[in-house]
PDB file of N, CA and C in Angstrom:
ATOM      1  N   UNK A   1    -182.998  42.629-161.033  1.00  0.00           N
ATOM      2  CA  UNK A   1    -181.892  42.250-160.184  1.00  0.00           C
ATOM      3  C   UNK A   1    -181.066  41.177-160.895  1.00  0.00           C
ATOM      4  N   UNK A   2    -179.761  41.371-160.940  1.00  0.00           N
ATOM      5  CA  UNK A   2    -178.879  40.425-161.618  1.00  0.00           C
ATOM      6  C   UNK A   2    -178.551  39.246-160.705  1.00  0.00           C
ATOM      7  N   UNK A   3    -178.023  38.207-161.309  1.00  0.00           N
ATOM      8  CA  UNK A   3    -177.591  37.033-160.548  1.00  0.00           C
ATOM      9  C   UNK A   3    -176.538  37.442-159.528  1.00  0.00           C
ATOM     10  N   UNK A   4    -175.609  38.293-159.949  1.00  0.00           N
ATOM     11  CA  UNK A   4    -174.537  38.743-159.046  1.00  0.00           C
ATOM     12  C   UNK A   4    -175.112  39.465-157.834  1.00  0.00           C
ATOM     13  N   UNK A   5    -176.141  40.287-158.037  1.00  0.00           N
ATOM     14  CA  UNK A   5    -176.775  41.007-156.924  1.00  0.00           C
ATOM     15  C   UNK A   5    -177.496  40.040-155.987  1.00  0.00           C
ATOM     16  N   UNK A   6    -178.167  39.039-156.558  1.00  0.00           N
ATOM     17  CA  UNK A   6    -178.850  38.036-155.740  1.00  0.00           C
ATOM     18  C   UNK A   6    -177.835  37.274-154.896  1.00  0.00           C
ATOM     19  N   UNK A   7    -176.730  36.883-155.518  1.00  0.00           N
ATOM     20  CA  UNK A   7    -175.687  36.150-154.800  1.00  0.00           C
ATOM     21  C   UNK A   7    -175.095  37.031-153.699  1.00  0.00           C
ATOM     22  N   UNK A   8    -174.891  38.317-153.973  1.00  0.00           N
ATOM     23  CA  UNK A   8    -174.353  39.232-152.965  1.00  0.00           C
ATOM     24  C   UNK A   8    -175.313  39.368-151.781  1.00  0.00           C
ATOM     25  N   UNK A   9    -176.615  39.417-152.045  1.00  0.00           N
ATOM     26  CA  UNK A   9    -177.601  39.490-150.966  1.00  0.00           C
ATOM     27  C   UNK A   9    -177.566  38.227-150.105  1.00  0.00           C
ATOM     28  N   UNK A  10    -177.473  37.085-150.758  1.00  0.00           N
ATOM     29  CA  UNK A  10    -177.393  35.816-150.020  1.00  0.00           C
ATOM     30  C   UNK A  10    -176.111  35.788-149.196  1.00  0.00           C
ATOM     31  N   UNK A  11    -175.026  36.268-149.782  1.00  0.00           N
ATOM     32  CA  UNK A  11    -173.742  36.298-149.084  1.00  0.00           C
ATOM     33  C   UNK A  11    -173.831  37.145-147.818  1.00  0.00           C
ATOM     34  N   UNK A  12    -174.497  38.282-147.897  1.00  0.00           N
ATOM     35  CA  UNK A  12    -174.673  39.136-146.718  1.00  0.00           C
ATOM     36  C   UNK A  12    -175.493  38.422-145.648  1.00  0.00           C
ATOM     37  N   UNK A  13    -176.562  37.760-146.065  1.00  0.00           N
ATOM     38  CA  UNK A  13    -177.421  37.057-145.107  1.00  0.00           C
ATOM     39  C   UNK A  13    -176.667  35.911-144.440  1.00  0.00           C
ATOM     40  N   UNK A  14    -175.913  35.156-145.220  1.00  0.00           N
ATOM     41  CA  UNK A  14    -175.139  34.041-144.664  1.00  0.00           C
ATOM     42  C   UNK A  14    -174.058  34.580-143.736  1.00  0.00           C
ATOM     43  N   UNK A  15    -173.494  35.719-144.085  1.00  0.00           N
ATOM     44  CA  UNK A  15    -172.419  36.305-143.295  1.00  0.00           C
ATOM     45  C   UNK A  15    -172.845  36.797-141.923  1.00  0.00           C
ATOM     46  N   UNK A  16    -174.134  37.019-141.718  1.00  0.00           N
ATOM     47  CA  UNK A  16    -174.591  37.485-140.408  1.00  0.00           C
ATOM     48  C   UNK A  16    -174.404  36.421-139.345  1.00  0.00           C
ATOM     49  N   UNK A  17    -174.481  35.152-139.741  1.00  0.00           N
ATOM     50  CA  UNK A  17    -174.215  34.060-138.817  1.00  0.00           C
ATOM     51  C   UNK A  17    -175.380  33.630-137.958  1.00  0.00           C
ATOM     52  N   UNK A  18    -176.529  34.255-138.074  1.00  0.00           N
ATOM     53  CA  UNK A  18    -177.664  33.869-137.243  1.00  0.00           C
ATOM     54  C   UNK A  18    -178.787  33.236-138.077  1.00  0.00           C
ATOM     55  N   UNK A  19    -178.403  32.285-138.907  1.00  0.00           N
ATOM     56  CA  UNK A  19    -179.373  31.596-139.762  1.00  0.00           C
ATOM     57  C   UNK A  19    -180.045  30.461-139.013  1.00  0.00           C
ATOM     58  N   UNK A  20    -181.320  30.341-139.210  1.00  0.00           N
ATOM     59  CA  UNK A  20    -182.023  29.153-138.740  1.00  0.00           C
ATOM     60  C   UNK A  20    -181.826  28.056-139.782  1.00  0.00           C
ATOM     61  N   UNK A  21    -181.825  26.803-139.362  1.00  0.00           N
ATOM     62  CA  UNK A  21    -181.608  25.713-140.321  1.00  0.00           C
ATOM     63  C   UNK A  21    -182.588  25.728-141.500  1.00  0.00           C
ATOM     64  N   UNK A  22    -183.838  26.082-141.252  1.00  0.00           N
ATOM     65  CA  UNK A  22    -184.818  26.137-142.342  1.00  0.00           C
ATOM     66  C   UNK A  22    -184.445  27.170-143.386  1.00  0.00           C
ATOM     67  N   UNK A  23    -184.017  28.332-142.918  1.00  0.00           N
ATOM     68  CA  UNK A  23    -183.619  29.397-143.852  1.00  0.00           C
ATOM     69  C   UNK A  23    -182.337  29.000-144.579  1.00  0.00           C
ATOM     70  N   UNK A  24    -181.414  28.369-143.879  1.00  0.00           N
ATOM     71  CA  UNK A  24    -180.171  27.907-144.518  1.00  0.00           C
ATOM     72  C   UNK A  24    -180.489  26.918-145.628  1.00  0.00           C
ATOM     73  N   UNK A  25    -181.458  26.053-145.390  1.00  0.00           N
ATOM     74  CA  UNK A  25    -181.868  25.085-146.401  1.00  0.00           C
ATOM     75  C   UNK A  25    -182.484  25.782-147.614  1.00  0.00           C
ATOM     76  N   UNK A  26    -183.300  26.805-147.373  1.00  0.00           N
ATOM     77  CA  UNK A  26    -183.882  27.576-148.475  1.00  0.00           C
ATOM     78  C   UNK A  26    -182.794  28.247-149.309  1.00  0.00           C
ATOM     79  N   UNK A  27    -181.818  28.845-148.627  1.00  0.00           N
ATOM     80  CA  UNK A  27    -180.729  29.510-149.346  1.00  0.00           C
ATOM     81  C   UNK A  27    -179.897  28.507-150.132  1.00  0.00           C
ATOM     82  N   UNK A  28    -179.686  27.331-149.568  1.00  0.00           N
ATOM     83  CA  UNK A  28    -178.944  26.276-150.261  1.00  0.00           C
ATOM     84  C   UNK A  28    -179.668  25.875-151.547  1.00  0.00           C
ATOM     85  N   UNK A  29    -180.984  25.719-151.479  1.00  0.00           N
ATOM     86  CA  UNK A  29    -181.763  25.393-152.675  1.00  0.00           C
ATOM     87  C   UNK A  29    -181.673  26.503-153.711  1.00  0.00           C
ATOM     88  N   UNK A  30    -181.767  27.744-153.252  1.00  0.00           N
ATOM     89  CA  UNK A  30    -181.694  28.881-154.164  1.00  0.00           C
ATOM     90  C   UNK A  30    -180.319  28.944-154.838  1.00  0.00           C
ATOM     91  N   UNK A  31    -179.264  28.745-154.066  1.00  0.00           N
ATOM     92  CA  UNK A  31    -177.917  28.771-154.637  1.00  0.00           C
ATOM     93  C   UNK A  31    -177.702  27.639-155.631  1.00  0.00           C
ATOM     94  N   UNK A  32    -178.281  26.485-155.354  1.00  0.00           N
ATOM     95  CA  UNK A  32    -178.166  25.358-156.289  1.00  0.00           C
ATOM     96  C   UNK A  32    -178.817  25.697-157.623  1.00  0.00           C
ATOM     97  N   UNK A  33    -179.947  26.382-157.570  1.00  0.00           N
ATOM     98  CA  UNK A  33    -180.620  26.798-158.807  1.00  0.00           C
ATOM     99  C   UNK A  33    -179.806  27.868-159.525  1.00  0.00           C
ATOM    100  N   UNK A  34    -179.216  28.777-158.772  1.00  0.00           N
ATOM    101  CA  UNK A  34    -178.415  29.860-159.359  1.00  0.00           C
ATOM    102  C   UNK A  34    -177.167  29.303-160.040  1.00  0.00           C
ATOM    103  N   UNK A  35    -176.653  28.201-159.525  1.00  0.00           N
ATOM    104  CA  UNK A  35    -175.446  27.601-160.106  1.00  0.00           C
ATOM    105  C   UNK A  35    -175.627  27.300-161.591  1.00  0.00           C
ATOM    106  N   UNK A  36    -176.792  26.824-161.972  1.00  0.00           N
ATOM    107  CA  UNK A  36    -177.071  26.565-163.386  1.00  0.00           C
ATOM    108  C   UNK A  36    -177.025  27.848-164.205  1.00  0.00           C
ATOM    109  N   UNK A  37    -177.557  28.927-163.649  1.00  0.00           N
ATOM    110  CA  UNK A  37    -177.509  30.219-164.340  1.00  0.00           C
ATOM    111  C   UNK A  37    -176.066  30.698-164.493  1.00  0.00           C
ATOM    112  N   UNK A  38    -175.258  30.461-163.467  1.00  0.00           N
ATOM    113  CA  UNK A  38    -173.841  30.845-163.536  1.00  0.00           C
ATOM    114  C   UNK A  38    -173.144  30.088-164.662  1.00  0.00           C
ATOM    115  N   UNK A  39    -173.428  28.804-164.768  1.00  0.00           N
ATOM    116  CA  UNK A  39    -172.803  28.001-165.825  1.00  0.00           C
ATOM    117  C   UNK A  39    -173.224  28.483-167.211  1.00  0.00           C
ATOM    118  N   UNK A  40    -174.500  28.863-167.351  1.00  0.00           N
ATOM    119  CA  UNK A  40    -174.963  29.414-168.631  1.00  0.00           C
ATOM    120  C   UNK A  40    -174.247  30.713-168.959  1.00  0.00           C
ATOM    121  N   UNK A  41    -174.074  31.563-167.955  1.00  0.00           N
ATOM    122  CA  UNK A  41    -173.395  32.845-168.159  1.00  0.00           C
ATOM    123  C   UNK A  41    -171.921  32.636-168.509  1.00  0.00           C
ATOM    124  N   UNK A  42    -171.290  31.659-167.894  1.00  0.00           N
ATOM    125  CA  UNK A  42    -169.885  31.354-168.223  1.00  0.00           C
ATOM    126  C   UNK A  42    -169.780  30.891-169.668  1.00  0.00           C
ATOM    127  N   UNK A  43    -170.692  30.052-170.093  1.00  0.00           N
ATOM    128  CA  UNK A  43    -170.676  29.575-171.476  1.00  0.00           C
ATOM    129  C   UNK A  43    -170.823  30.749-172.455  1.00  0.00           C
ATOM    130  N   UNK A  44    -171.751  31.653-172.149  1.00  0.00           N
ATOM    131  CA  UNK A  44    -171.991  32.812-173.013  1.00  0.00           C
ATOM    132  C   UNK A  44    -170.771  33.746-173.036  1.00  0.00           C
ATOM    133  N   UNK A  45    -170.221  34.051-171.859  1.00  0.00           N
ATOM    134  CA  UNK A  45    -169.091  34.983-171.814  1.00  0.00           C
ATOM    135  C   UNK A  45    -167.825  34.367-172.403  1.00  0.00           C
ATOM    136  N   UNK A  46    -167.660  33.061-172.263  1.00  0.00           N
ATOM    137  CA  UNK A  46    -166.516  32.397-172.902  1.00  0.00           C
ATOM    138  C   UNK A  46    -166.571  32.555-174.425  1.00  0.00           C
ATOM    139  N   UNK A  47    -167.755  32.378-174.980  1.00  0.00           N
ATOM    140  CA  UNK A  47    -167.903  32.530-176.436  1.00  0.00           C
ATOM    141  C   UNK A  47    -167.619  33.966-176.879  1.00  0.00           C
ATOM    142  N   UNK A  48    -168.116  34.934-176.134  1.00  0.00           N
ATOM    143  CA  UNK A  48    -167.858  36.342-176.478  1.00  0.00           C
ATOM    144  C   UNK A  48    -166.365  36.651-176.384  1.00  0.00           C
ATOM    145  N   UNK A  49    -165.723  36.158-175.349  1.00  0.00           N
ATOM    146  CA  UNK A  49    -164.290  36.395-175.203  1.00  0.00           C
ATOM    147  C   UNK A  49    -163.506  35.703-176.313  1.00  0.00           C
ATOM    148  N   UNK A  50    -163.882  34.492-176.675  1.00  0.00           N
ATOM    149  CA  UNK A  50    -163.181  33.777-177.745  1.00  0.00           C
ATOM    150  C   UNK A  50    -163.276  34.528-179.070  1.00  0.00           C
ATOM    151  N   UNK A  51    -164.428  35.142-179.328  1.00  0.00           N
ATOM    152  CA  UNK A  51    -164.567  35.963-180.543  1.00  0.00           C
ATOM    153  C   UNK A  51    -163.634  37.164-180.487  1.00  0.00           C
ATOM    154  N   UNK A  52    -163.534  37.776-179.312  1.00  0.00           N
ATOM    155  CA  UNK A  52    -162.633  38.921-179.146  1.00  0.00           C
ATOM    156  C   UNK A  52    -161.184  38.487-179.303  1.00  0.00           C
ATOM    157  N   UNK A  53    -160.840  37.365-178.710  1.00  0.00           N
ATOM    158  CA  UNK A  53    -159.471  36.850-178.822  1.00  0.00           C
ATOM    159  C   UNK A  53    -159.118  36.552-180.275  1.00  0.00           C
ATOM    160  N   UNK A  54    -160.030  35.956-180.999  1.00  0.00           N
ATOM    161  CA  UNK A  54    -159.796  35.673-182.419  1.00  0.00           C
ATOM    162  C   UNK A  54    -159.576  36.966-183.196  1.00  0.00           C
ATOM    163  N   UNK A  55    -160.358  37.981-182.881  1.00  0.00           N
ATOM    164  CA  UNK A  55    -160.188  39.276-183.539  1.00  0.00           C
ATOM    165  C   UNK A  55    -158.777  39.827-183.277  1.00  0.00           C
ATOM    166  N   UNK A  56    -158.317  39.728-182.028  1.00  0.00           N
ATOM    167  CA  UNK A  56    -156.980  40.226-181.698  1.00  0.00           C
ATOM    168  C   UNK A  56    -155.886  39.363-182.335  1.00  0.00           C
ATOM    169  N   UNK A  57    -156.095  38.067-182.467  1.00  0.00           N
ATOM    170  CA  UNK A  57    -155.117  37.223-183.161  1.00  0.00           C
ATOM    171  C   UNK A  57    -154.977  37.650-184.619  1.00  0.00           C
ATOM    172  N   UNK A  58    -156.061  38.093-185.230  1.00  0.00           N
ATOM    173  CA  UNK A  58    -156.007  38.547-186.617  1.00  0.00           C
ATOM    174  C   UNK A  58    -155.359  39.926-186.759  1.00  0.00           C
ATOM    175  N   UNK A  59    -155.391  40.713-185.687  1.00  0.00           N
ATOM    176  CA  UNK A  59    -154.806  42.070-185.726  1.00  0.00           C
ATOM    177  C   UNK A  59    -153.323  42.038-185.393  1.00  0.00           C
ATOM    178  N   UNK A  60    -152.970  41.359-184.309  1.00  0.00           N
ATOM    179  CA  UNK A  60    -151.579  41.336-183.828  1.00  0.00           C
ATOM    180  C   UNK A  60    -150.743  40.309-184.590  1.00  0.00           C
ATOM    181  N   UNK A  61    -149.460  40.547-184.620  1.00  0.00           N
ATOM    182  CA  UNK A  61    -148.561  39.612-185.288  1.00  0.00           C
ATOM    183  C   UNK A  61    -148.051  38.528-184.337  1.00  0.00           C
ATOM    184  N   UNK A  62    -148.118  38.791-183.047  1.00  0.00           N
ATOM    185  CA  UNK A  62    -147.627  37.825-182.066  1.00  0.00           C
ATOM    186  C   UNK A  62    -148.776  37.398-181.138  1.00  0.00           C
ATOM    187  N   UNK A  63    -148.778  36.111-180.814  1.00  0.00           N
ATOM    188  CA  UNK A  63    -149.875  35.543-180.027  1.00  0.00           C
ATOM    189  C   UNK A  63    -149.923  36.124-178.615  1.00  0.00           C
ATOM    190  N   UNK A  64    -148.759  36.337-177.994  1.00  0.00           N
ATOM    191  CA  UNK A  64    -148.778  36.849-176.629  1.00  0.00           C
ATOM    192  C   UNK A  64    -149.344  38.268-176.571  1.00  0.00           C
ATOM    193  N   UNK A  65    -149.068  39.081-177.570  1.00  0.00           N
ATOM    194  CA  UNK A  65    -149.630  40.439-177.627  1.00  0.00           C
ATOM    195  C   UNK A  65    -151.140  40.380-177.854  1.00  0.00           C
ATOM    196  N   UNK A  66    -151.561  39.470-178.685  1.00  0.00           N
ATOM    197  CA  UNK A  66    -152.992  39.320-178.948  1.00  0.00           C
ATOM    198  C   UNK A  66    -153.723  38.923-177.667  1.00  0.00           C
ATOM    199  N   UNK A  67    -153.143  37.999-176.911  1.00  0.00           N
ATOM    200  CA  UNK A  67    -153.775  37.544-175.677  1.00  0.00           C
ATOM    201  C   UNK A  67    -153.834  38.669-174.649  1.00  0.00           C
ATOM    202  N   UNK A  68    -152.762  39.414-174.512  1.00  0.00           N
ATOM    203  CA  UNK A  68    -152.739  40.539-173.574  1.00  0.00           C
ATOM    204  C   UNK A  68    -153.769  41.585-173.982  1.00  0.00           C
ATOM    205  N   UNK A  69    -153.851  41.867-175.254  1.00  0.00           N
ATOM    206  CA  UNK A  69    -154.837  42.842-175.741  1.00  0.00           C
ATOM    207  C   UNK A  69    -156.258  42.359-175.485  1.00  0.00           C
ATOM    208  N   UNK A  70    -156.511  41.082-175.735  1.00  0.00           N
ATOM    209  CA  UNK A  70    -157.853  40.527-175.526  1.00  0.00           C
ATOM    210  C   UNK A  70    -158.226  40.519-174.047  1.00  0.00           C
ATOM    211  N   UNK A  71    -157.238  40.347-173.177  1.00  0.00           N
ATOM    212  CA  UNK A  71    -157.509  40.318-171.745  1.00  0.00           C
ATOM    213  C   UNK A  71    -157.737  41.696-171.144  1.00  0.00           C
ATOM    214  N   UNK A  72    -157.638  42.715-171.945  1.00  0.00           N
ATOM    215  CA  UNK A  72    -157.922  44.069-171.462  1.00  0.00           C
ATOM    216  C   UNK A  72    -159.272  44.577-171.980  1.00  0.00           C
ATOM    217  N   UNK A  73    -160.118  43.675-172.439  1.00  0.00           N
ATOM    218  CA  UNK A  73    -161.413  44.052-173.006  1.00  0.00           C
ATOM    219  C   UNK A  73    -162.548  43.801-172.016  1.00  0.00           C
ATOM    220  N   UNK A  74    -163.684  44.427-172.244  1.00  0.00           N
ATOM    221  CA  UNK A  74    -164.856  44.168-171.389  1.00  0.00           C
ATOM    222  C   UNK A  74    -165.331  42.715-171.464  1.00  0.00           C
ATOM    223  N   UNK A  75    -165.105  42.046-172.584  1.00  0.00           N
ATOM    224  CA  UNK A  75    -165.503  40.645-172.720  1.00  0.00           C
ATOM    225  C   UNK A  75    -164.732  39.748-171.734  1.00  0.00           C
ATOM    226  N   UNK A  76    -163.445  40.050-171.576  1.00  0.00           N
ATOM    227  CA  UNK A  76    -162.641  39.274-170.627  1.00  0.00           C
ATOM    228  C   UNK A  76    -163.093  39.548-169.197  1.00  0.00           C
ATOM    229  N   UNK A  77    -163.384  40.807-168.908  1.00  0.00           N
ATOM    230  CA  UNK A  77    -163.855  41.162-167.575  1.00  0.00           C
ATOM    231  C   UNK A  77    -165.172  40.445-167.252  1.00  0.00           C
ATOM    232  N   UNK A  78    -166.092  40.407-168.221  1.00  0.00           N
ATOM    233  CA  UNK A  78    -167.368  39.713-168.020  1.00  0.00           C
ATOM    234  C   UNK A  78    -167.137  38.224-167.777  1.00  0.00           C
ATOM    235  N   UNK A  79    -166.187  37.662-168.503  1.00  0.00           N
ATOM    236  CA  UNK A  79    -165.851  36.249-168.331  1.00  0.00           C
ATOM    237  C   UNK A  79    -165.338  35.993-166.910  1.00  0.00           C
ATOM    238  N   UNK A  80    -164.479  36.871-166.417  1.00  0.00           N
ATOM    239  CA  UNK A  80    -163.921  36.713-165.079  1.00  0.00           C
ATOM    240  C   UNK A  80    -164.998  36.886-164.002  1.00  0.00           C
ATOM    241  N   UNK A  81    -165.874  37.855-164.174  1.00  0.00           N
ATOM    242  CA  UNK A  81    -166.957  38.068-163.211  1.00  0.00           C
ATOM    243  C   UNK A  81    -167.843  36.829-163.136  1.00  0.00           C
ATOM    244  N   UNK A  82    -168.160  36.252-164.275  1.00  0.00           N
ATOM    245  CA  UNK A  82    -169.000  35.048-164.301  1.00  0.00           C
ATOM    246  C   UNK A  82    -168.318  33.892-163.572  1.00  0.00           C
ATOM    247  N   UNK A  83    -167.041  33.708-163.812  1.00  0.00           N
ATOM    248  CA  UNK A  83    -166.306  32.625-163.154  1.00  0.00           C
ATOM    249  C   UNK A  83    -166.208  32.846-161.647  1.00  0.00           C
ATOM    250  N   UNK A  84    -165.935  34.073-161.238  1.00  0.00           N
ATOM    251  CA  UNK A  84    -165.815  34.371-159.810  1.00  0.00           C
ATOM    252  C   UNK A  84    -167.159  34.234-159.103  1.00  0.00           C
ATOM    253  N   UNK A  85    -168.232  34.566-159.793  1.00  0.00           N
ATOM    254  CA  UNK A  85    -169.560  34.391-159.211  1.00  0.00           C
ATOM    255  C   UNK A  85    -169.844  32.914-158.991  1.00  0.00           C
ATOM    256  N   UNK A  86    -169.493  32.080-159.961  1.00  0.00           N
ATOM    257  CA  UNK A  86    -169.695  30.637-159.792  1.00  0.00           C
ATOM    258  C   UNK A  86    -168.866  30.104-158.621  1.00  0.00           C
ATOM    259  N   UNK A  87    -167.627  30.572-158.492  1.00  0.00           N
ATOM    260  CA  UNK A  87    -166.785  30.128-157.377  1.00  0.00           C
ATOM    261  C   UNK A  87    -167.400  30.523-156.038  1.00  0.00           C
ATOM    262  N   UNK A  88    -167.934  31.742-155.967  1.00  0.00           N
ATOM    263  CA  UNK A  88    -168.576  32.200-154.742  1.00  0.00           C
ATOM    264  C   UNK A  88    -169.802  31.355-154.427  1.00  0.00           C
ATOM    265  N   UNK A  89    -170.609  31.065-155.432  1.00  0.00           N
ATOM    266  CA  UNK A  89    -171.799  30.235-155.239  1.00  0.00           C
ATOM    267  C   UNK A  89    -171.394  28.850-154.741  1.00  0.00           C
ATOM    268  N   UNK A  90    -170.374  28.273-155.337  1.00  0.00           N
ATOM    269  CA  UNK A  90    -169.922  26.942-154.920  1.00  0.00           C
ATOM    270  C   UNK A  90    -169.442  26.950-153.465  1.00  0.00           C
ATOM    271  N   UNK A  91    -168.698  27.976-153.074  1.00  0.00           N
ATOM    272  CA  UNK A  91    -168.206  28.050-151.696  1.00  0.00           C
ATOM    273  C   UNK A  91    -169.343  28.244-150.710  1.00  0.00           C
ATOM    274  N   UNK A  92    -170.342  29.037-151.079  1.00  0.00           N
ATOM    275  CA  UNK A  92    -171.489  29.218-150.184  1.00  0.00           C
ATOM    276  C   UNK A  92    -172.311  27.940-150.074  1.00  0.00           C
ATOM    277  N   UNK A  93    -172.435  27.202-151.169  1.00  0.00           N
ATOM    278  CA  UNK A  93    -173.126  25.910-151.127  1.00  0.00           C
ATOM    279  C   UNK A  93    -172.400  24.974-150.168  1.00  0.00           C
ATOM    280  N   UNK A  94    -171.093  24.903-150.285  1.00  0.00           N
ATOM    281  CA  UNK A  94    -170.307  24.039-149.385  1.00  0.00           C
ATOM    282  C   UNK A  94    -170.469  24.477-147.931  1.00  0.00           C
ATOM    283  N   UNK A  95    -170.416  25.774-147.706  1.00  0.00           N
ATOM    284  CA  UNK A  95    -170.537  26.318-146.357  1.00  0.00           C
ATOM    285  C   UNK A  95    -171.896  26.009-145.749  1.00  0.00           C
ATOM    286  N   UNK A  96    -172.960  26.193-146.514  1.00  0.00           N
ATOM    287  CA  UNK A  96    -174.300  25.916-145.997  1.00  0.00           C
ATOM    288  C   UNK A  96    -174.503  24.425-145.732  1.00  0.00           C
ATOM    289  N   UNK A  97    -173.938  23.578-146.570  1.00  0.00           N
ATOM    290  CA  UNK A  97    -174.035  22.133-146.327  1.00  0.00           C
ATOM    291  C   UNK A  97    -173.341  21.777-145.009  1.00  0.00           C
ATOM    292  N   UNK A  98    -172.168  22.348-144.791  1.00  0.00           N
ATOM    293  CA  UNK A  98    -171.426  22.091-143.555  1.00  0.00           C
ATOM    294  C   UNK A  98    -172.221  22.610-142.357  1.00  0.00           C
ATOM    295  N   UNK A  99    -172.783  23.796-142.480  1.00  0.00           N
ATOM    296  CA  UNK A  99    -173.582  24.405-141.417  1.00  0.00           C
ATOM    297  C   UNK A  99    -174.774  23.517-141.059  1.00  0.00           C
ATOM    298  N   UNK A 100    -175.475  23.028-142.074  1.00  0.00           N
ATOM    299  CA  UNK A 100    -176.644  22.179-141.824  1.00  0.00           C
ATOM    300  C   UNK A 100    -176.251  20.847-141.190  1.00  0.00           C
ATOM    301  N   UNK A 101    -175.116  20.281-141.613  1.00  0.00           N
ATOM    302  CA  UNK A 101    -174.643  19.038-140.984  1.00  0.00           C
ATOM    303  C   UNK A 101    -174.307  19.273-139.511  1.00  0.00           C
ATOM    304  N   UNK A 102    -173.680  20.421-139.223  1.00  0.00           N
ATOM    305  CA  UNK A 102    -173.334  20.736-137.834  1.00  0.00           C
ATOM    306  C   UNK A 102    -174.597  20.925-136.991  1.00  0.00           C
ATOM    307  N   UNK A 103    -175.594  21.601-137.539  1.00  0.00           N
ATOM    308  CA  UNK A 103    -176.850  21.802-136.809  1.00  0.00           C
ATOM    309  C   UNK A 103    -177.557  20.468-136.571  1.00  0.00           C
ATOM    310  N   UNK A 104    -177.510  19.593-137.563  1.00  0.00           N
ATOM    311  CA  UNK A 104    -178.117  18.275-137.405  1.00  0.00           C
ATOM    312  C   UNK A 104    -177.416  17.494-136.297  1.00  0.00           C
ATOM    313  N   UNK A 105    -176.097  17.589-136.270  1.00  0.00           N
ATOM    314  CA  UNK A 105    -175.323  16.909-135.234  1.00  0.00           C
ATOM    315  C   UNK A 105    -175.658  17.469-133.853  1.00  0.00           C
ATOM    316  N   UNK A 106    -175.774  18.796-133.751  1.00  0.00           N
ATOM    317  CA  UNK A 106    -176.156  19.421-132.481  1.00  0.00           C
ATOM    318  C   UNK A 106    -177.529  18.927-132.030  1.00  0.00           C
ATOM    319  N   UNK A 107    -178.442  18.857-132.965  1.00  0.00           N
ATOM    320  CA  UNK A 107    -179.798  18.403-132.658  1.00  0.00           C
ATOM    321  C   UNK A 107    -179.787  16.972-132.141  1.00  0.00           C
ATOM    322  N   UNK A 108    -179.030  16.120-132.797  1.00  0.00           N
ATOM    323  CA  UNK A 108    -178.966  14.707-132.394  1.00  0.00           C
ATOM    324  C   UNK A 108    -178.320  14.560-131.011  1.00  0.00           C
ATOM    325  N   UNK A 109    -177.281  15.344-130.756  1.00  0.00           N
ATOM    326  CA  UNK A 109    -176.626  15.284-129.446  1.00  0.00           C
ATOM    327  C   UNK A 109    -177.571  15.753-128.356  1.00  0.00           C
ATOM    328  N   UNK A 110    -178.316  16.807-128.627  1.00  0.00           N
ATOM    329  CA  UNK A 110    -179.286  17.315-127.661  1.00  0.00           C
ATOM    330  C   UNK A 110    -180.421  16.345-127.426  1.00  0.00           C
ATOM    331  N   UNK A 111    -180.804  15.624-128.454  1.00  0.00           N
ATOM    332  CA  UNK A 111    -181.902  14.649-128.367  1.00  0.00           C
ATOM    333  C   UNK A 111    -181.488  13.458-127.515  1.00  0.00           C
ATOM    334  N   UNK A 112    -180.219  13.066-127.599  1.00  0.00           N
ATOM    335  CA  UNK A 112    -179.733  11.889-126.869  1.00  0.00           C
ATOM    336  C   UNK A 112    -179.592  12.149-125.374  1.00  0.00           C
ATOM    337  N   UNK A 113    -179.425  13.387-124.995  1.00  0.00           N
ATOM    338  CA  UNK A 113    -179.169  13.686-123.578  1.00  0.00           C
ATOM    339  C   UNK A 113    -180.394  13.683-122.761  1.00  0.00           C
TER     340      UNK A 113
END
C-alpha cells in the first residue's frame, strides 16, 4: 500500500464525520508520521524532475520551451502528486487538531454543568 493510498483511506474515514476523539488522535499521530514520508518523497521527486529539466535545457534552445517540455513528463507529475499529498496531509492534520479542540471544549462545558 502506497502513502497516497493510506492517506486516501484516512481521508475517507475522517470524511464520515463520526470519529471518536481517541480514533481522531490515532489518525492525527499517523498523519504526523506520514508527513515525514511525504517530505522525503518530495525531495526525491524534486531531484528527478530537476534532472529531467536539465536534460530539456540541453535539448531546447529556449528556456521557456525547455520548462514546458519538462512539465509534460512523468517526473513532473510525480513531483506534483507528492506535493499535493503533503498539502492534503497538512490540511487533515489541521482539521483533526481543530476537531479534537472542539471535542475537548464540549467535554469541559458538559463537565461544568
